[in-house]
Amino acid sequence: MRSISVIFFFLLILTKLSSCQTVKNKTDEIVKKENEKLNQFIGQPVSELKVVMGMPDNEEKSNTATKILVYKTKKYGIPCERKFEISSDDMVIGFVSKGCF
């Protein structure tokens, strides 16, 4: 009887560990797709970004005198924030995405 409970315990642990890996794999895939999507804006004019993403929710200045356009959304109640760094000649030069899927 004791060996059956030990085997059951190990099977339960193994199942939990494999499901965590599955969630991590899915999350990694979503992040990869998000980065591929946003990477297409690098080197593009800010007007192209605004055509696709719309008007930003906020505009900030960075420490390096570039503009930061901030886009905020929510999906399933989870906040998503995308920040695009814009050079002085109005070209997209970088981005950061947080909580987006």
N, C-alpha and C. Protein backbone atom coordinates (compact mmCIF):
# COMPACT_ATOMS: atom_id res chain seq x y z
N MET A 1 0.82 -1.20 0.00
CA MET A 1 0.00 0.00 0.00
C MET A 1 0.87 1.26 0.00
N ARG A 2 1.92 1.21 0.78
CA ARG A 2 2.82 2.37 0.87
C ARG A 2 3.51 2.63 -0.47
N SER A 3 3.89 1.59 -1.17
CA SER A 3 4.57 1.75 -2.46
C SER A 3 3.64 2.35 -3.50
N ILE A 4 2.37 2.04 -3.42
CA ILE A 4 1.40 2.60 -4.35
C ILE A 4 1.27 4.11 -4.10
N SER A 5 1.24 4.53 -2.86
CA SER A 5 1.13 5.96 -2.57
C SER A 5 2.41 6.70 -2.96
N VAL A 6 3.57 6.06 -2.82
CA VAL A 6 4.83 6.68 -3.24
C VAL A 6 4.85 6.85 -4.76
N ILE A 7 4.42 5.82 -5.48
CA ILE A 7 4.36 5.89 -6.95
C ILE A 7 3.38 6.97 -7.38
N PHE A 8 2.22 7.03 -6.74
CA PHE A 8 1.23 8.05 -7.06
C PHE A 8 1.80 9.44 -6.82
N PHE A 9 2.53 9.63 -5.72
CA PHE A 9 3.14 10.92 -5.39
C PHE A 9 4.13 11.33 -6.48
N PHE A 10 5.00 10.40 -6.90
CA PHE A 10 5.97 10.71 -7.94
C PHE A 10 5.30 11.00 -9.29
N LEU A 11 4.25 10.30 -9.60
CA LEU A 11 3.50 10.57 -10.84
C LEU A 11 2.86 11.95 -10.78
N LEU A 12 2.36 12.31 -9.63
CA LEU A 12 1.75 13.64 -9.46
C LEU A 12 2.81 14.73 -9.64
N ILE A 13 3.96 14.56 -9.04
CA ILE A 13 5.05 15.54 -9.18
C ILE A 13 5.49 15.63 -10.64
N LEU A 14 5.63 14.49 -11.30
CA LEU A 14 6.05 14.47 -12.70
C LEU A 14 5.03 15.19 -13.58
N THR A 15 3.76 14.99 -13.32
CA THR A 15 2.71 15.66 -14.08
C THR A 15 2.78 17.17 -13.88
N LYS A 16 2.96 17.61 -12.66
CA LYS A 16 3.06 19.04 -12.37
C LYS A 16 4.26 19.66 -13.07
N LEU A 17 5.39 18.99 -13.03
CA LEU A 17 6.60 19.52 -13.67
C LEU A 17 6.43 19.61 -15.18
N SER A 18 5.83 18.61 -15.79
CA SER A 18 5.66 18.65 -17.25
C SER A 18 4.64 19.70 -17.66
N SER A 19 3.62 19.94 -16.85
CA SER A 19 2.64 20.98 -17.19
C SER A 19 3.26 22.36 -17.05
N CYS A 20 4.17 22.55 -16.10
CA CYS A 20 4.88 23.83 -15.97
C CYS A 20 5.74 24.08 -17.21
N GLN A 21 6.38 23.05 -17.72
CA GLN A 21 7.20 23.19 -18.91
C GLN A 21 6.33 23.54 -20.11
N THR A 22 5.15 22.95 -20.20
CA THR A 22 4.22 23.25 -21.29
C THR A 22 3.80 24.71 -21.25
N VAL A 23 3.47 25.22 -20.08
CA VAL A 23 3.09 26.62 -19.93
C VAL A 23 4.25 27.52 -20.32
N LYS A 24 5.45 27.18 -19.89
CA LYS A 24 6.63 27.97 -20.23
C LYS A 24 6.85 27.97 -21.74
N ASN A 25 6.70 26.83 -22.38
CA ASN A 25 6.88 26.74 -23.84
C ASN A 25 5.85 27.61 -24.56
N LYS A 26 4.60 27.57 -24.12
CA LYS A 26 3.56 28.39 -24.74
C LYS A 26 3.83 29.87 -24.54
N THR A 27 4.25 30.24 -23.33
CA THR A 27 4.57 31.64 -23.04
C THR A 27 5.73 32.12 -23.90
N ASP A 28 6.77 31.29 -24.02
CA ASP A 28 7.92 31.65 -24.85
C ASP A 28 7.51 31.85 -26.30
N GLU A 29 6.62 31.02 -26.79
CA GLU A 29 6.15 31.14 -28.18
C GLU A 29 5.37 32.43 -28.38
N ILE A 30 4.53 32.78 -27.42
CA ILE A 30 3.75 34.03 -27.50
C ILE A 30 4.68 35.24 -27.50
N VAL A 31 5.68 35.23 -26.63
CA VAL A 31 6.63 36.35 -26.56
C VAL A 31 7.41 36.45 -27.87
N LYS A 32 7.78 35.32 -28.43
CA LYS A 32 8.52 35.31 -29.70
C LYS A 32 7.67 35.94 -30.82
N LYS A 33 6.40 35.58 -30.89
CA LYS A 33 5.51 36.15 -31.91
C LYS A 33 5.32 37.65 -31.71
N GLU A 34 5.18 38.06 -30.45
CA GLU A 34 5.02 39.49 -30.14
C GLU A 34 6.26 40.27 -30.59
N ASN A 35 7.43 39.75 -30.29
CA ASN A 35 8.67 40.43 -30.68
C ASN A 35 8.84 40.47 -32.19
N GLU A 36 8.47 39.40 -32.89
CA GLU A 36 8.54 39.41 -34.35
C GLU A 36 7.62 40.46 -34.94
N LYS A 37 6.42 40.57 -34.38
CA LYS A 37 5.44 41.55 -34.84
C LYS A 37 5.96 42.98 -34.64
N LEU A 38 6.48 43.26 -33.45
CA LEU A 38 6.94 44.61 -33.14
C LEU A 38 8.27 44.94 -33.81
N ASN A 39 9.08 43.93 -34.07
CA ASN A 39 10.37 44.14 -34.75
C ASN A 39 10.19 44.72 -36.15
N GLN A 40 9.05 44.48 -36.76
CA GLN A 40 8.79 44.98 -38.11
C GLN A 40 8.75 46.51 -38.14
N PHE A 41 8.52 47.14 -37.00
CA PHE A 41 8.46 48.61 -36.96
C PHE A 41 9.83 49.26 -36.87
N ILE A 42 10.85 48.50 -36.47
CA ILE A 42 12.19 49.06 -36.33
C ILE A 42 12.66 49.57 -37.69
N GLY A 43 13.11 50.82 -37.71
CA GLY A 43 13.59 51.44 -38.95
C GLY A 43 12.48 52.05 -39.80
N GLN A 44 11.24 51.94 -39.35
CA GLN A 44 10.10 52.50 -40.07
C GLN A 44 9.77 53.89 -39.52
N PRO A 45 9.15 54.73 -40.34
CA PRO A 45 8.74 56.05 -39.83
C PRO A 45 7.62 55.91 -38.80
N VAL A 46 7.55 56.88 -37.89
CA VAL A 46 6.55 56.85 -36.84
C VAL A 46 5.14 56.88 -37.44
N SER A 47 4.99 57.47 -38.62
CA SER A 47 3.67 57.50 -39.26
C SER A 47 3.16 56.10 -39.57
N GLU A 48 4.07 55.19 -39.95
CA GLU A 48 3.68 53.80 -40.21
C GLU A 48 3.24 53.11 -38.92
N LEU A 49 3.94 53.38 -37.84
CA LEU A 49 3.56 52.83 -36.53
C LEU A 49 2.16 53.28 -36.15
N LYS A 50 1.88 54.56 -36.37
CA LYS A 50 0.57 55.11 -36.01
C LYS A 50 -0.54 54.59 -36.91
N VAL A 51 -0.22 54.28 -38.16
CA VAL A 51 -1.23 53.69 -39.05
C VAL A 51 -1.66 52.33 -38.53
N VAL A 52 -0.70 51.53 -38.10
CA VAL A 52 -1.00 50.17 -37.65
C VAL A 52 -1.50 50.14 -36.20
N MET A 53 -0.83 50.86 -35.32
CA MET A 53 -1.15 50.79 -33.89
C MET A 53 -2.15 51.86 -33.43
N GLY A 54 -2.37 52.89 -34.24
CA GLY A 54 -3.25 53.97 -33.84
C GLY A 54 -2.48 55.03 -33.06
N MET A 55 -3.21 55.96 -32.53
CA MET A 55 -2.59 57.03 -31.74
C MET A 55 -2.17 56.46 -30.38
N PRO A 56 -1.00 56.87 -29.90
CA PRO A 56 -0.53 56.35 -28.61
C PRO A 56 -1.36 56.88 -27.45
N ASP A 57 -1.35 56.14 -26.36
CA ASP A 57 -2.04 56.57 -25.14
C ASP A 57 -1.27 57.65 -24.39
N ASN A 58 0.04 57.65 -24.60
CA ASN A 58 0.89 58.60 -23.89
C ASN A 58 2.16 58.83 -24.69
N GLU A 59 2.76 60.00 -24.50
CA GLU A 59 4.03 60.31 -25.14
C GLU A 59 4.97 60.85 -24.08
N GLU A 60 6.17 60.26 -24.01
CA GLU A 60 7.15 60.65 -22.98
C GLU A 60 8.46 61.05 -23.65
N LYS A 61 9.31 61.69 -22.89
CA LYS A 61 10.67 62.00 -23.33
C LYS A 61 11.62 61.08 -22.57
N SER A 62 12.60 60.53 -23.28
CA SER A 62 13.58 59.68 -22.61
C SER A 62 14.77 60.52 -22.16
N ASN A 63 15.67 59.90 -21.44
CA ASN A 63 16.89 60.59 -20.97
C ASN A 63 17.82 60.94 -22.13
N THR A 64 17.66 60.25 -23.25
CA THR A 64 18.53 60.48 -24.40
C THR A 64 17.90 61.42 -25.42
N ALA A 65 16.89 62.16 -25.03
CA ALA A 65 16.20 63.15 -25.86
C ALA A 65 15.42 62.53 -27.02
N THR A 66 15.05 61.27 -26.88
CA THR A 66 14.17 60.66 -27.88
C THR A 66 12.75 60.61 -27.31
N LYS A 67 11.78 60.43 -28.20
CA LYS A 67 10.39 60.31 -27.76
C LYS A 67 10.08 58.84 -27.48
N ILE A 68 9.19 58.62 -26.54
CA ILE A 68 8.68 57.29 -26.24
C ILE A 68 7.17 57.34 -26.43
N LEU A 69 6.66 56.55 -27.36
CA LEU A 69 5.21 56.44 -27.55
C LEU A 69 4.73 55.21 -26.79
N VAL A 70 3.72 55.39 -25.96
CA VAL A 70 3.22 54.33 -25.09
C VAL A 70 1.82 53.91 -25.53
N TYR A 71 1.64 52.63 -25.75
CA TYR A 71 0.35 52.05 -26.10
C TYR A 71 -0.06 51.10 -24.98
N LYS A 72 -1.27 51.31 -24.44
CA LYS A 72 -1.76 50.47 -23.34
C LYS A 72 -3.06 49.80 -23.75
N THR A 73 -3.14 48.52 -23.49
CA THR A 73 -4.37 47.75 -23.73
C THR A 73 -4.56 46.77 -22.57
N LYS A 74 -5.69 46.09 -22.59
CA LYS A 74 -5.96 45.01 -21.63
C LYS A 74 -6.56 43.85 -22.38
N LYS A 75 -6.11 42.64 -22.03
CA LYS A 75 -6.68 41.43 -22.61
C LYS A 75 -6.94 40.47 -21.45
N TYR A 76 -8.18 40.05 -21.30
CA TYR A 76 -8.59 39.19 -20.19
C TYR A 76 -8.26 39.83 -18.85
N GLY A 77 -8.32 41.16 -18.78
CA GLY A 77 -8.04 41.87 -17.55
C GLY A 77 -6.56 42.06 -17.23
N ILE A 78 -5.69 41.58 -18.13
CA ILE A 78 -4.24 41.70 -17.92
C ILE A 78 -3.73 42.90 -18.70
N PRO A 79 -3.12 43.87 -18.01
CA PRO A 79 -2.63 45.06 -18.72
C PRO A 79 -1.43 44.75 -19.62
N CYS A 80 -1.45 45.36 -20.79
CA CYS A 80 -0.38 45.22 -21.77
C CYS A 80 0.14 46.62 -22.06
N GLU A 81 1.45 46.76 -22.06
CA GLU A 81 2.05 48.06 -22.35
C GLU A 81 3.18 47.87 -23.37
N ARG A 82 3.09 48.62 -24.46
CA ARG A 82 4.13 48.61 -25.49
C ARG A 82 4.69 50.03 -25.58
N LYS A 83 6.02 50.12 -25.49
CA LYS A 83 6.68 51.42 -25.61
C LYS A 83 7.61 51.38 -26.81
N PHE A 84 7.48 52.40 -27.66
CA PHE A 84 8.32 52.51 -28.86
C PHE A 84 9.19 53.75 -28.72
N GLU A 85 10.50 53.57 -28.94
CA GLU A 85 11.43 54.69 -28.90
C GLU A 85 11.54 55.28 -30.30
N ILE A 86 11.38 56.60 -30.39
CA ILE A 86 11.36 57.31 -31.66
C ILE A 86 12.54 58.28 -31.71
N SER A 87 13.33 58.19 -32.78
CA SER A 87 14.51 59.05 -32.92
C SER A 87 14.09 60.49 -33.26
N SER A 88 15.06 61.38 -33.28
CA SER A 88 14.78 62.79 -33.58
C SER A 88 14.30 62.99 -35.02
N ASP A 89 14.60 62.05 -35.91
CA ASP A 89 14.10 62.15 -37.29
C ASP A 89 12.84 61.30 -37.51
N ASP A 90 12.10 61.04 -36.41
CA ASP A 90 10.80 60.34 -36.43
C ASP A 90 10.86 58.93 -37.01
N MET A 91 11.89 58.17 -36.64
CA MET A 91 12.00 56.77 -37.02
C MET A 91 11.94 55.92 -35.75
N VAL A 92 11.30 54.75 -35.86
CA VAL A 92 11.23 53.83 -34.72
C VAL A 92 12.60 53.16 -34.57
N ILE A 93 13.17 53.28 -33.37
CA ILE A 93 14.50 52.71 -33.16
C ILE A 93 14.53 51.63 -32.07
N GLY A 94 13.41 51.41 -31.38
CA GLY A 94 13.38 50.37 -30.36
C GLY A 94 11.99 50.21 -29.77
N PHE A 95 11.81 49.14 -29.02
CA PHE A 95 10.53 48.91 -28.36
C PHE A 95 10.73 48.04 -27.13
N VAL A 96 9.75 48.12 -26.24
CA VAL A 96 9.66 47.26 -25.06
C VAL A 96 8.21 46.85 -24.93
N SER A 97 7.96 45.56 -24.70
CA SER A 97 6.62 45.05 -24.57
C SER A 97 6.51 44.34 -23.21
N LYS A 98 5.45 44.69 -22.45
CA LYS A 98 5.27 44.12 -21.13
C LYS A 98 3.83 43.61 -20.96
N GLY A 99 3.69 42.34 -20.64
CA GLY A 99 2.38 41.78 -20.34
C GLY A 99 1.50 41.53 -21.55
N CYS A 100 2.06 41.57 -22.75
CA CYS A 100 1.26 41.43 -23.96
C CYS A 100 1.30 40.00 -24.48
N PHE A 101 0.16 39.52 -24.92
CA PHE A 101 0.10 38.20 -25.55
C PHE A 101 -1.00 38.17 -26.57
